[in-house]
Amino acid sequence: MGTTAGGAGGALRLPGLHGYAAEFSPYWPGRVACAAAQYYGMAGCGTLAVLEQNEAGIVVLKSFDWNDGLFDVTWSENNEHVLITCSGDGSLQIWDTAKTKGPLQVYKEHTLEAYSVDWSQTRGEQLVVSGSWDQTAKLWDPAVGKSLCTFKGHEGVIYSTIWSPHIPGCFASASGDQTLRIWDVKAPGVKLVIPAHQAEILSCDWCKYDENLLVTGAVDCSLKGWDLRNVRQPVFVLLGHTYAIRRVKFSPFHATLLASCSYDFTVRFWDFSKPNPLLETVEHHTEFTCGLDLSLHSRGQV
């Protein structure tokens, strides 16, 4: 992973915008979607920028504007041109990069900021989950104009909703109510409630190699690993960040590697199997680091 901080990287400025999420395309190597907002998402507009790295550096292939800040983005798993973003006005937008104009569809059901959106990773289902500051998660089929169902139970803002890469119809949510929750779309109530931190939890992710393992990142500056078969104690705790952890992702290539980014301006790489788990701290950013992704195509690319 050492090469991630090296010369192979590149930088691109989007003036007046603050990035909230970065997601590699599952189809195109070197292509990244970035969800961004003006004025730290508190006012103003949002932009979806689709970036590509080529010999010349990083270029903007396409950009789409929305009248409120964009906080998350997910690529379609069945069409390489389609993305979904979510916004401060509570809506989800479906975009087609093969078309130039505005969104194909807008879903406006959440009553407060929609902060998280994710397209299902398991074969045979095309489902999208969104999480909102209205304390609900919603399930969508992009071919249907309204949500399929609403998941209630969190007692605080939902910051993160992530599909299991292994178990169809299963997703996790992380919330300001200090819990990590596991849901099954075939069952109405919550499947599992894990009191994971004594602080707001801003991010969670599933291990790509172990269907029972998740990680949470929180305002207490810690990352914690959770085995769903025994949630009384975390299986690992990773300390090093000095401010809230904004996003955490497991590596697609290594079972015990993960990356996190924080309001402390850093990106950190960890191997929780090692006695000294912190592998590297990257200090390239000069502002809050909110979005992070690891390429499915090239091992070192973040």
C-alpha atoms as a PDB file:
ATOM      1  CA  MET A   1       0.000   0.000   0.000  1.00  0.00           C
ATOM      2  CA  GLY A   2       3.049   2.270   0.293  1.00  0.00           C
ATOM      3  CA  THR A   3       2.627   3.409  -3.291  1.00  0.00           C
ATOM      4  CA  THR A   4      -0.668   5.110  -2.481  1.00  0.00           C
ATOM      5  CA  ALA A   5       1.102   8.109  -1.032  1.00  0.00           C
ATOM      6  CA  GLY A   6       3.779   8.151  -3.712  1.00  0.00           C
ATOM      7  CA  GLY A   7       4.162   9.817  -7.056  1.00  0.00           C
ATOM      8  CA  ALA A   8       1.476   7.805  -8.829  1.00  0.00           C
ATOM      9  CA  GLY A   9      -1.239  10.007  -7.358  1.00  0.00           C
ATOM     10  CA  GLY A  10      -2.693  13.213  -8.654  1.00  0.00           C
ATOM     11  CA  ALA A  11      -4.642  16.197  -7.442  1.00  0.00           C
ATOM     12  CA  LEU A  12      -7.564  18.111  -8.860  1.00  0.00           C
ATOM     13  CA  ARG A  13      -9.192  21.169  -7.381  1.00  0.00           C
ATOM     14  CA  LEU A  14     -12.918  21.821  -7.622  1.00  0.00           C
ATOM     15  CA  PRO A  15     -12.990  25.506  -6.599  1.00  0.00           C
ATOM     16  CA  GLY A  16     -15.701  26.482  -4.157  1.00  0.00           C
ATOM     17  CA  LEU A  17     -16.705  22.870  -3.523  1.00  0.00           C
ATOM     18  CA  HIS A  18     -16.031  20.518  -0.623  1.00  0.00           C
ATOM     19  CA  GLY A  19     -15.882  16.835  -1.446  1.00  0.00           C
ATOM     20  CA  TYR A  20     -18.061  14.495   0.608  1.00  0.00           C
ATOM     21  CA  ALA A  21     -17.697  11.155  -1.151  1.00  0.00           C
ATOM     22  CA  ALA A  22     -15.423   9.562  -3.735  1.00  0.00           C
ATOM     23  CA  GLU A  23     -16.331   6.251  -5.358  1.00  0.00           C
ATOM     24  CA  PHE A  24     -14.350   4.327  -7.960  1.00  0.00           C
ATOM     25  CA  SER A  25     -16.293   3.033 -10.947  1.00  0.00           C
ATOM     26  CA  PRO A  26     -16.716  -0.742 -10.855  1.00  0.00           C
ATOM     27  CA  TYR A  27     -16.382  -0.694 -14.659  1.00  0.00           C
ATOM     28  CA  TRP A  28     -13.710   1.820 -15.696  1.00  0.00           C
ATOM     29  CA  PRO A  29     -10.221   1.734 -14.149  1.00  0.00           C
ATOM     30  CA  GLY A  30      -9.167   5.195 -13.006  1.00  0.00           C
ATOM     31  CA  ARG A  31     -12.685   6.647 -13.107  1.00  0.00           C
ATOM     32  CA  VAL A  32     -14.054   8.184  -9.915  1.00  0.00           C
ATOM     33  CA  ALA A  33     -17.323   9.885  -9.009  1.00  0.00           C
ATOM     34  CA  CYS A  34     -17.155  12.681  -6.456  1.00  0.00           C
ATOM     35  CA  ALA A  35     -20.143  14.135  -4.579  1.00  0.00           C
ATOM     36  CA  ALA A  36     -19.494  17.700  -3.493  1.00  0.00           C
ATOM     37  CA  ALA A  37     -21.218  20.671  -1.886  1.00  0.00           C
ATOM     38  CA  GLN A  38     -20.666  24.391  -1.507  1.00  0.00           C
ATOM     39  CA  TYR A  39     -20.095  26.018   1.902  1.00  0.00           C
ATOM     40  CA  TYR A  40     -19.414  22.749   3.722  1.00  0.00           C
ATOM     41  CA  GLY A  41     -22.882  21.505   2.801  1.00  0.00           C
ATOM     42  CA  MET A  42     -24.612  24.075   5.002  1.00  0.00           C
ATOM     43  CA  ALA A  43     -25.938  26.169   2.109  1.00  0.00           C
ATOM     44  CA  GLY A  44     -25.624  26.489  -1.627  1.00  0.00           C
ATOM     45  CA  CYS A  45     -25.536  23.920  -4.377  1.00  0.00           C
ATOM     46  CA  GLY A  46     -23.990  20.558  -5.064  1.00  0.00           C
ATOM     47  CA  THR A  47     -22.010  18.982  -7.873  1.00  0.00           C
ATOM     48  CA  LEU A  48     -21.486  15.439  -9.060  1.00  0.00           C
ATOM     49  CA  ALA A  49     -18.091  15.317 -10.787  1.00  0.00           C
ATOM     50  CA  VAL A  50     -16.973  12.258 -12.730  1.00  0.00           C
ATOM     51  CA  LEU A  51     -13.175  12.263 -12.836  1.00  0.00           C
ATOM     52  CA  GLU A  52     -10.697  10.213 -14.799  1.00  0.00           C
ATOM     53  CA  GLN A  53      -6.976   9.729 -14.439  1.00  0.00           C
ATOM     54  CA  ASN A  54      -5.008   9.656 -17.688  1.00  0.00           C
ATOM     55  CA  GLU A  55      -1.482  10.538 -18.837  1.00  0.00           C
ATOM     56  CA  ALA A  56      -2.219  14.229 -18.396  1.00  0.00           C
ATOM     57  CA  GLY A  57      -3.351  13.804 -14.773  1.00  0.00           C
ATOM     58  CA  ILE A  58      -6.882  13.934 -13.406  1.00  0.00           C
ATOM     59  CA  VAL A  59      -9.546  15.448 -15.655  1.00  0.00           C
ATOM     60  CA  VAL A  60     -13.259  16.134 -15.193  1.00  0.00           C
ATOM     61  CA  LEU A  61     -15.132  13.983 -17.712  1.00  0.00           C
ATOM     62  CA  LYS A  62     -18.611  15.152 -16.741  1.00  0.00           C
ATOM     63  CA  SER A  63     -20.145  17.260 -14.050  1.00  0.00           C
ATOM     64  CA  PHE A  64     -23.758  17.708 -13.010  1.00  0.00           C
ATOM     65  CA  ASP A  65     -25.137  20.389 -10.706  1.00  0.00           C
ATOM     66  CA  TRP A  66     -27.932  20.079  -8.173  1.00  0.00           C
ATOM     67  CA  ASN A  67     -29.631  22.852  -6.218  1.00  0.00           C
ATOM     68  CA  ASP A  68     -28.534  21.456  -2.841  1.00  0.00           C
ATOM     69  CA  GLY A  69     -25.340  19.918  -1.502  1.00  0.00           C
ATOM     70  CA  LEU A  70     -24.541  16.338  -2.554  1.00  0.00           C
ATOM     71  CA  PHE A  71     -23.309  14.110   0.279  1.00  0.00           C
ATOM     72  CA  ASP A  72     -22.855  10.640  -1.207  1.00  0.00           C
ATOM     73  CA  VAL A  73     -22.711   8.832  -4.541  1.00  0.00           C
ATOM     74  CA  THR A  74     -22.960   5.219  -5.697  1.00  0.00           C
ATOM     75  CA  TRP A  75     -22.402   3.633  -9.112  1.00  0.00           C
ATOM     76  CA  SER A  76     -25.032   1.437 -10.693  1.00  0.00           C
ATOM     77  CA  GLU A  77     -24.136  -2.228 -10.688  1.00  0.00           C
ATOM     78  CA  ASN A  78     -25.993  -2.856 -13.973  1.00  0.00           C
ATOM     79  CA  ASN A  79     -25.190   0.167 -16.160  1.00  0.00           C
ATOM     80  CA  GLU A  80     -21.717   1.695 -16.340  1.00  0.00           C
ATOM     81  CA  HIS A  81     -23.100   5.172 -17.093  1.00  0.00           C
ATOM     82  CA  VAL A  82     -25.585   5.448 -14.226  1.00  0.00           C
ATOM     83  CA  LEU A  83     -24.971   6.902 -10.766  1.00  0.00           C
ATOM     84  CA  ILE A  84     -27.166   7.868  -7.825  1.00  0.00           C
ATOM     85  CA  THR A  85     -26.436  10.768  -5.510  1.00  0.00           C
ATOM     86  CA  CYS A  86     -28.198  11.988  -2.379  1.00  0.00           C
ATOM     87  CA  SER A  87     -28.680  15.501  -1.236  1.00  0.00           C
ATOM     88  CA  GLY A  88     -29.258  17.987   1.552  1.00  0.00           C
ATOM     89  CA  ASP A  89     -32.852  18.469   0.394  1.00  0.00           C
ATOM     90  CA  GLY A  90     -33.631  14.838   1.254  1.00  0.00           C
ATOM     91  CA  SER A  91     -33.763  13.675  -2.356  1.00  0.00           C
ATOM     92  CA  LEU A  92     -31.943  11.029  -4.382  1.00  0.00           C
ATOM     93  CA  GLN A  93     -30.944  11.779  -7.986  1.00  0.00           C
ATOM     94  CA  ILE A  94     -30.293   9.254 -10.770  1.00  0.00           C
ATOM     95  CA  TRP A  95     -27.782  10.515 -13.358  1.00  0.00           C
ATOM     96  CA  ASP A  96     -26.696   9.105 -16.699  1.00  0.00           C
ATOM     97  CA  THR A  97     -23.191  10.184 -17.765  1.00  0.00           C
ATOM     98  CA  ALA A  98     -24.026   9.273 -21.369  1.00  0.00           C
ATOM     99  CA  LYS A  99     -26.566  12.094 -21.334  1.00  0.00           C
ATOM    100  CA  THR A 100     -25.755  15.729 -20.772  1.00  0.00           C
ATOM    101  CA  LYS A 101     -28.773  17.153 -19.017  1.00  0.00           C
ATOM    102  CA  GLY A 102     -30.151  16.875 -15.506  1.00  0.00           C
ATOM    103  CA  PRO A 103     -31.110  13.778 -13.546  1.00  0.00           C
ATOM    104  CA  LEU A 104     -33.127  10.970 -15.122  1.00  0.00           C
ATOM    105  CA  GLN A 105     -35.181  10.738 -11.956  1.00  0.00           C
ATOM    106  CA  VAL A 106     -35.450  12.378  -8.552  1.00  0.00           C
ATOM    107  CA  TYR A 107     -36.791  10.558  -5.507  1.00  0.00           C
ATOM    108  CA  LYS A 108     -37.941  12.952  -2.823  1.00  0.00           C
ATOM    109  CA  GLU A 109     -39.179  11.095   0.252  1.00  0.00           C
ATOM    110  CA  HIS A 110     -36.717  11.718   3.071  1.00  0.00           C
ATOM    111  CA  THR A 111     -37.778  14.711   5.148  1.00  0.00           C
ATOM    112  CA  LEU A 112     -34.242  15.821   6.098  1.00  0.00           C
ATOM    113  CA  GLU A 113     -30.754  15.546   4.571  1.00  0.00           C
ATOM    114  CA  ALA A 114     -30.135  12.288   2.702  1.00  0.00           C
ATOM    115  CA  TYR A 115     -26.579  11.494   3.749  1.00  0.00           C
ATOM    116  CA  SER A 116     -25.857   8.016   2.426  1.00  0.00           C
ATOM    117  CA  VAL A 117     -26.688   5.956  -0.648  1.00  0.00           C
ATOM    118  CA  ASP A 118     -25.444   2.521  -1.739  1.00  0.00           C
ATOM    119  CA  TRP A 119     -26.231   0.160  -4.628  1.00  0.00           C
ATOM    120  CA  SER A 120     -26.471  -3.529  -3.721  1.00  0.00           C
ATOM    121  CA  GLN A 121     -23.334  -5.576  -4.330  1.00  0.00           C
ATOM    122  CA  THR A 122     -24.755  -9.096  -4.435  1.00  0.00           C
ATOM    123  CA  ARG A 123     -25.768 -10.761  -7.684  1.00  0.00           C
ATOM    124  CA  GLY A 124     -29.340 -10.976  -8.799  1.00  0.00           C
ATOM    125  CA  GLU A 125     -30.734  -7.906  -7.065  1.00  0.00           C
ATOM    126  CA  GLN A 126     -30.773  -4.269  -8.100  1.00  0.00           C
ATOM    127  CA  LEU A 127     -31.580  -2.497  -4.862  1.00  0.00           C
ATOM    128  CA  VAL A 128     -30.481   0.828  -3.458  1.00  0.00           C
ATOM    129  CA  VAL A 129     -30.475   1.836   0.209  1.00  0.00           C
ATOM    130  CA  SER A 130     -30.433   5.423   1.465  1.00  0.00           C
ATOM    131  CA  GLY A 131     -29.897   6.796   4.960  1.00  0.00           C
ATOM    132  CA  SER A 132     -31.087  10.148   6.219  1.00  0.00           C
ATOM    133  CA  TRP A 133     -30.922  12.639   9.039  1.00  0.00           C
ATOM    134  CA  ASP A 134     -34.663  11.942   9.402  1.00  0.00           C
ATOM    135  CA  GLN A 135     -33.499   8.753  11.244  1.00  0.00           C
ATOM    136  CA  THR A 136     -34.825   6.408   8.559  1.00  0.00           C
ATOM    137  CA  ALA A 137     -33.283   4.221   5.910  1.00  0.00           C
ATOM    138  CA  LYS A 138     -35.211   3.600   2.682  1.00  0.00           C
ATOM    139  CA  LEU A 139     -35.071   0.783   0.167  1.00  0.00           C
ATOM    140  CA  TRP A 140     -35.386   1.591  -3.542  1.00  0.00           C
ATOM    141  CA  ASP A 141     -35.608  -0.280  -6.805  1.00  0.00           C
ATOM    142  CA  PRO A 142     -34.285   2.241  -9.364  1.00  0.00           C
ATOM    143  CA  ALA A 143     -36.886   0.996 -11.864  1.00  0.00           C
ATOM    144  CA  VAL A 144     -39.710   1.937  -9.461  1.00  0.00           C
ATOM    145  CA  GLY A 145     -40.625   5.557  -8.829  1.00  0.00           C
ATOM    146  CA  LYS A 146     -41.064   5.308  -5.076  1.00  0.00           C
ATOM    147  CA  SER A 147     -39.393   3.595  -2.146  1.00  0.00           C
ATOM    148  CA  LEU A 148     -40.194  -0.056  -1.501  1.00  0.00           C
ATOM    149  CA  CYS A 149     -40.015   0.275   2.284  1.00  0.00           C
ATOM    150  CA  THR A 150     -38.748   2.417   5.147  1.00  0.00           C
ATOM    151  CA  PHE A 151     -36.616   1.157   8.039  1.00  0.00           C
ATOM    152  CA  LYS A 152     -37.224   2.841  11.388  1.00  0.00           C
ATOM    153  CA  GLY A 153     -35.472   2.270  14.689  1.00  0.00           C
ATOM    154  CA  HIS A 154     -32.491   4.576  14.889  1.00  0.00           C
ATOM    155  CA  GLU A 155     -32.852   7.314  17.492  1.00  0.00           C
ATOM    156  CA  GLY A 156     -30.414   9.649  15.797  1.00  0.00           C
ATOM    157  CA  VAL A 157     -29.214  10.822  12.413  1.00  0.00           C
ATOM    158  CA  ILE A 158     -28.188   8.027  10.012  1.00  0.00           C
ATOM    159  CA  TYR A 159     -24.772   8.792   8.527  1.00  0.00           C
ATOM    160  CA  SER A 160     -23.992   5.587   6.671  1.00  0.00           C
ATOM    161  CA  THR A 161     -25.908   2.729   5.010  1.00  0.00           C
ATOM    162  CA  ILE A 162     -23.859  -0.038   3.377  1.00  0.00           C
ATOM    163  CA  TRP A 163     -24.958  -3.281   1.717  1.00  0.00           C
ATOM    164  CA  SER A 164     -23.359  -6.558   2.688  1.00  0.00           C
ATOM    165  CA  PRO A 165     -21.176  -7.759  -0.198  1.00  0.00           C
ATOM    166  CA  HIS A 166     -22.039 -11.362   0.788  1.00  0.00           C
ATOM    167  CA  ILE A 167     -25.606 -11.641   2.097  1.00  0.00           C
ATOM    168  CA  PRO A 168     -28.420 -10.643  -0.299  1.00  0.00           C
ATOM    169  CA  GLY A 169     -30.871  -8.142   1.151  1.00  0.00           C
ATOM    170  CA  CYS A 170     -28.708  -7.344   4.188  1.00  0.00           C
ATOM    171  CA  PHE A 171     -27.364  -3.874   4.982  1.00  0.00           C
ATOM    172  CA  ALA A 172     -25.731  -2.085   7.897  1.00  0.00           C
ATOM    173  CA  SER A 173     -26.402   1.428   9.173  1.00  0.00           C
ATOM    174  CA  ALA A 174     -24.360   3.711  11.433  1.00  0.00           C
ATOM    175  CA  SER A 175     -25.916   6.534  13.380  1.00  0.00           C
ATOM    176  CA  GLY A 176     -25.545   9.455  15.704  1.00  0.00           C
ATOM    177  CA  ASP A 177     -27.401   7.317  18.266  1.00  0.00           C
ATOM    178  CA  GLN A 178     -24.052   5.500  18.822  1.00  0.00           C
ATOM    179  CA  THR A 179     -25.290   2.209  17.350  1.00  0.00           C
ATOM    180  CA  LEU A 180     -24.451   0.043  14.382  1.00  0.00           C
ATOM    181  CA  ARG A 181     -27.532  -1.793  13.122  1.00  0.00           C
ATOM    182  CA  ILE A 182     -27.964  -4.743  10.787  1.00  0.00           C
ATOM    183  CA  TRP A 183     -31.141  -5.004   8.696  1.00  0.00           C
ATOM    184  CA  ASP A 184     -32.732  -7.594   6.428  1.00  0.00           C
ATOM    185  CA  VAL A 185     -34.969  -6.228   3.670  1.00  0.00           C
ATOM    186  CA  LYS A 186     -37.216  -9.276   3.989  1.00  0.00           C
ATOM    187  CA  ALA A 187     -37.930  -8.554   7.662  1.00  0.00           C
ATOM    188  CA  PRO A 188     -39.575  -5.377   8.919  1.00  0.00           C
ATOM    189  CA  GLY A 189     -37.599  -4.713  12.113  1.00  0.00           C
ATOM    190  CA  VAL A 190     -33.928  -4.388  12.897  1.00  0.00           C
ATOM    191  CA  LYS A 191     -32.013  -7.675  12.977  1.00  0.00           C
ATOM    192  CA  LEU A 192     -29.210  -6.609  15.318  1.00  0.00           C
ATOM    193  CA  VAL A 193     -28.367  -3.492  17.349  1.00  0.00           C
ATOM    194  CA  ILE A 194     -24.722  -3.049  18.353  1.00  0.00           C
ATOM    195  CA  PRO A 195     -23.891  -0.247  20.823  1.00  0.00           C
ATOM    196  CA  ALA A 196     -20.568   0.184  19.036  1.00  0.00           C
ATOM    197  CA  HIS A 197     -19.194   3.484  20.413  1.00  0.00           C
ATOM    198  CA  GLN A 198     -19.970   6.007  23.111  1.00  0.00           C
ATOM    199  CA  ALA A 199     -20.023   8.657  20.400  1.00  0.00           C
ATOM    200  CA  GLU A 200     -21.701   9.374  17.079  1.00  0.00           C
ATOM    201  CA  ILE A 201     -20.780   6.782  14.431  1.00  0.00           C
ATOM    202  CA  LEU A 202     -20.143   8.440  11.070  1.00  0.00           C
ATOM    203  CA  SER A 203     -19.136   5.451   8.944  1.00  0.00           C
ATOM    204  CA  CYS A 204     -19.226   1.676   8.638  1.00  0.00           C
ATOM    205  CA  ASP A 205     -18.114  -0.934   6.129  1.00  0.00           C
ATOM    206  CA  TRP A 206     -18.223  -4.688   5.564  1.00  0.00           C
ATOM    207  CA  CYS A 207     -15.156  -6.860   5.180  1.00  0.00           C
ATOM    208  CA  LYS A 208     -14.961  -8.220   1.633  1.00  0.00           C
ATOM    209  CA  TYR A 209     -13.589 -11.568   2.871  1.00  0.00           C
ATOM    210  CA  ASP A 210     -15.637 -12.299   5.999  1.00  0.00           C
ATOM    211  CA  GLU A 211     -19.411 -11.938   5.951  1.00  0.00           C
ATOM    212  CA  ASN A 212     -19.542 -11.552   9.743  1.00  0.00           C
ATOM    213  CA  LEU A 213     -17.005  -8.723  10.059  1.00  0.00           C
ATOM    214  CA  LEU A 214     -17.734  -4.991   9.964  1.00  0.00           C
ATOM    215  CA  VAL A 215     -15.817  -1.886  10.946  1.00  0.00           C
ATOM    216  CA  THR A 216     -17.168   1.344  12.434  1.00  0.00           C
ATOM    217  CA  GLY A 217     -15.549   4.784  12.603  1.00  0.00           C
ATOM    218  CA  ALA A 218     -16.720   7.391  15.071  1.00  0.00           C
ATOM    219  CA  VAL A 219     -16.421  10.848  16.571  1.00  0.00           C
ATOM    220  CA  ASP A 220     -14.349   9.289  19.414  1.00  0.00           C
ATOM    221  CA  CYS A 221     -11.478   8.981  16.844  1.00  0.00           C
ATOM    222  CA  SER A 222     -11.515   5.178  16.998  1.00  0.00           C
ATOM    223  CA  LEU A 223     -12.165   2.410  14.496  1.00  0.00           C
ATOM    224  CA  LYS A 224     -13.710  -0.771  15.854  1.00  0.00           C
ATOM    225  CA  GLY A 225     -14.174  -4.182  14.276  1.00  0.00           C
ATOM    226  CA  TRP A 226     -17.322  -6.212  15.001  1.00  0.00           C
ATOM    227  CA  ASP A 227     -17.968  -9.917  14.563  1.00  0.00           C
ATOM    228  CA  LEU A 228     -21.722 -10.359  14.159  1.00  0.00           C
ATOM    229  CA  ARG A 229     -21.587 -13.754  15.889  1.00  0.00           C
ATOM    230  CA  ASN A 230     -20.436 -12.119  19.139  1.00  0.00           C
ATOM    231  CA  VAL A 231     -20.933  -8.376  19.476  1.00  0.00           C
ATOM    232  CA  ARG A 232     -20.205  -7.991  23.178  1.00  0.00           C
ATOM    233  CA  GLN A 233     -16.639  -6.882  22.502  1.00  0.00           C
ATOM    234  CA  PRO A 234     -14.981  -5.450  19.390  1.00  0.00           C
ATOM    235  CA  VAL A 235     -12.527  -7.810  17.678  1.00  0.00           C
ATOM    236  CA  PHE A 236     -10.144  -4.904  17.137  1.00  0.00           C
ATOM    237  CA  VAL A 237      -9.809  -1.242  18.113  1.00  0.00           C
ATOM    238  CA  LEU A 238      -7.608   1.048  15.999  1.00  0.00           C
ATOM    239  CA  LEU A 239      -6.403   4.309  17.528  1.00  0.00           C
ATOM    240  CA  GLY A 240      -4.400   7.093  15.897  1.00  0.00           C
ATOM    241  CA  HIS A 241      -6.767   9.637  14.382  1.00  0.00           C
ATOM    242  CA  THR A 242      -6.978  12.867  16.368  1.00  0.00           C
ATOM    243  CA  TYR A 243     -10.437  14.007  15.206  1.00  0.00           C
ATOM    244  CA  ALA A 244     -13.655  12.307  14.154  1.00  0.00           C
ATOM    245  CA  ILE A 245     -13.363   9.543  11.556  1.00  0.00           C
ATOM    246  CA  ARG A 246     -15.442  10.465   8.567  1.00  0.00           C
ATOM    247  CA  ARG A 247     -15.216   7.336   6.410  1.00  0.00           C
ATOM    248  CA  VAL A 248     -13.748   3.852   6.588  1.00  0.00           C
ATOM    249  CA  LYS A 249     -13.387   1.210   3.863  1.00  0.00           C
ATOM    250  CA  PHE A 250     -12.067  -2.340   3.841  1.00  0.00           C
ATOM    251  CA  SER A 251      -9.599  -3.256   1.109  1.00  0.00           C
ATOM    252  CA  PRO A 252     -11.000  -5.221  -1.858  1.00  0.00           C
ATOM    253  CA  PHE A 253      -7.700  -7.136  -2.060  1.00  0.00           C
ATOM    254  CA  HIS A 254      -6.642  -7.896   1.538  1.00  0.00           C
ATOM    255  CA  ALA A 255      -8.814  -9.402   4.267  1.00  0.00           C
ATOM    256  CA  THR A 256      -7.210  -7.418   7.115  1.00  0.00           C
ATOM    257  CA  LEU A 257      -6.397  -4.077   5.430  1.00  0.00           C
ATOM    258  CA  LEU A 258      -8.535  -0.985   5.731  1.00  0.00           C
ATOM    259  CA  ALA A 259      -8.341   2.736   5.105  1.00  0.00           C
ATOM    260  CA  SER A 260      -9.906   5.633   6.989  1.00  0.00           C
ATOM    261  CA  CYS A 261     -10.112   9.391   6.614  1.00  0.00           C
ATOM    262  CA  SER A 262     -10.833  12.035   9.168  1.00  0.00           C
ATOM    263  CA  TYR A 263     -11.501  15.612  10.147  1.00  0.00           C
ATOM    264  CA  ASP A 264      -7.833  15.567  11.209  1.00  0.00           C
ATOM    265  CA  PHE A 265      -7.012  16.031   7.458  1.00  0.00           C
ATOM    266  CA  THR A 266      -5.330  12.589   7.235  1.00  0.00           C
ATOM    267  CA  VAL A 267      -5.917   9.307   5.455  1.00  0.00           C
ATOM    268  CA  ARG A 268      -4.633   6.283   7.375  1.00  0.00           C
ATOM    269  CA  PHE A 269      -3.993   2.711   6.309  1.00  0.00           C
ATOM    270  CA  TRP A 270      -4.290  -0.116   8.809  1.00  0.00           C
ATOM    271  CA  ASP A 271      -3.717  -3.862   9.052  1.00  0.00           C
ATOM    272  CA  PHE A 272      -5.680  -5.038  12.076  1.00  0.00           C
ATOM    273  CA  SER A 273      -3.858  -8.399  12.104  1.00  0.00           C
ATOM    274  CA  LYS A 274      -0.539  -6.731  12.998  1.00  0.00           C
ATOM    275  CA  PRO A 275       0.693  -5.831  16.495  1.00  0.00           C
ATOM    276  CA  ASN A 276       1.315  -2.279  15.219  1.00  0.00           C
ATOM    277  CA  PRO A 277      -1.716  -1.914  12.951  1.00  0.00           C
ATOM    278  CA  LEU A 278      -1.124   1.627  11.637  1.00  0.00           C
ATOM    279  CA  LEU A 279       0.733   1.123   8.336  1.00  0.00           C
ATOM    280  CA  GLU A 280       0.802   4.646   6.979  1.00  0.00           C
ATOM    281  CA  THR A 281      -0.527   8.159   7.549  1.00  0.00           C
ATOM    282  CA  VAL A 282      -1.032  10.325   4.470  1.00  0.00           C
ATOM    283  CA  GLU A 283      -1.140  14.071   5.106  1.00  0.00           C
ATOM    284  CA  HIS A 284      -1.853  15.430   1.632  1.00  0.00           C
ATOM    285  CA  HIS A 285      -5.101  17.256   2.381  1.00  0.00           C
ATOM    286  CA  THR A 286      -5.346  20.706   3.931  1.00  0.00           C
ATOM    287  CA  GLU A 287      -9.001  20.401   4.926  1.00  0.00           C
ATOM    288  CA  PHE A 288     -11.453  17.895   6.390  1.00  0.00           C
ATOM    289  CA  THR A 289     -11.068  14.589   4.562  1.00  0.00           C
ATOM    290  CA  CYS A 290     -14.573  13.223   4.051  1.00  0.00           C
ATOM    291  CA  GLY A 291     -14.529  10.755   1.171  1.00  0.00           C
ATOM    292  CA  LEU A 292     -12.383   7.741   0.422  1.00  0.00           C
ATOM    293  CA  ASP A 293     -12.425   4.687  -1.809  1.00  0.00           C
ATOM    294  CA  LEU A 294     -10.091   1.870  -2.828  1.00  0.00           C
ATOM    295  CA  SER A 295      -9.925   0.828  -6.471  1.00  0.00           C
ATOM    296  CA  LEU A 296     -11.269  -2.580  -7.472  1.00  0.00           C
ATOM    297  CA  HIS A 297      -8.981  -2.522 -10.501  1.00  0.00           C
ATOM    298  CA  SER A 298      -5.536  -1.557  -9.226  1.00  0.00           C
ATOM    299  CA  ARG A 299      -4.287  -2.650  -5.850  1.00  0.00           C
ATOM    300  CA  GLY A 300      -2.489   0.494  -4.782  1.00  0.00           C
ATOM    301  CA  GLN A 301      -4.981   3.068  -5.927  1.00  0.00           C
ATOM    302  CA  VAL A 302      -6.956   5.061  -3.356  1.00  0.00           C
END
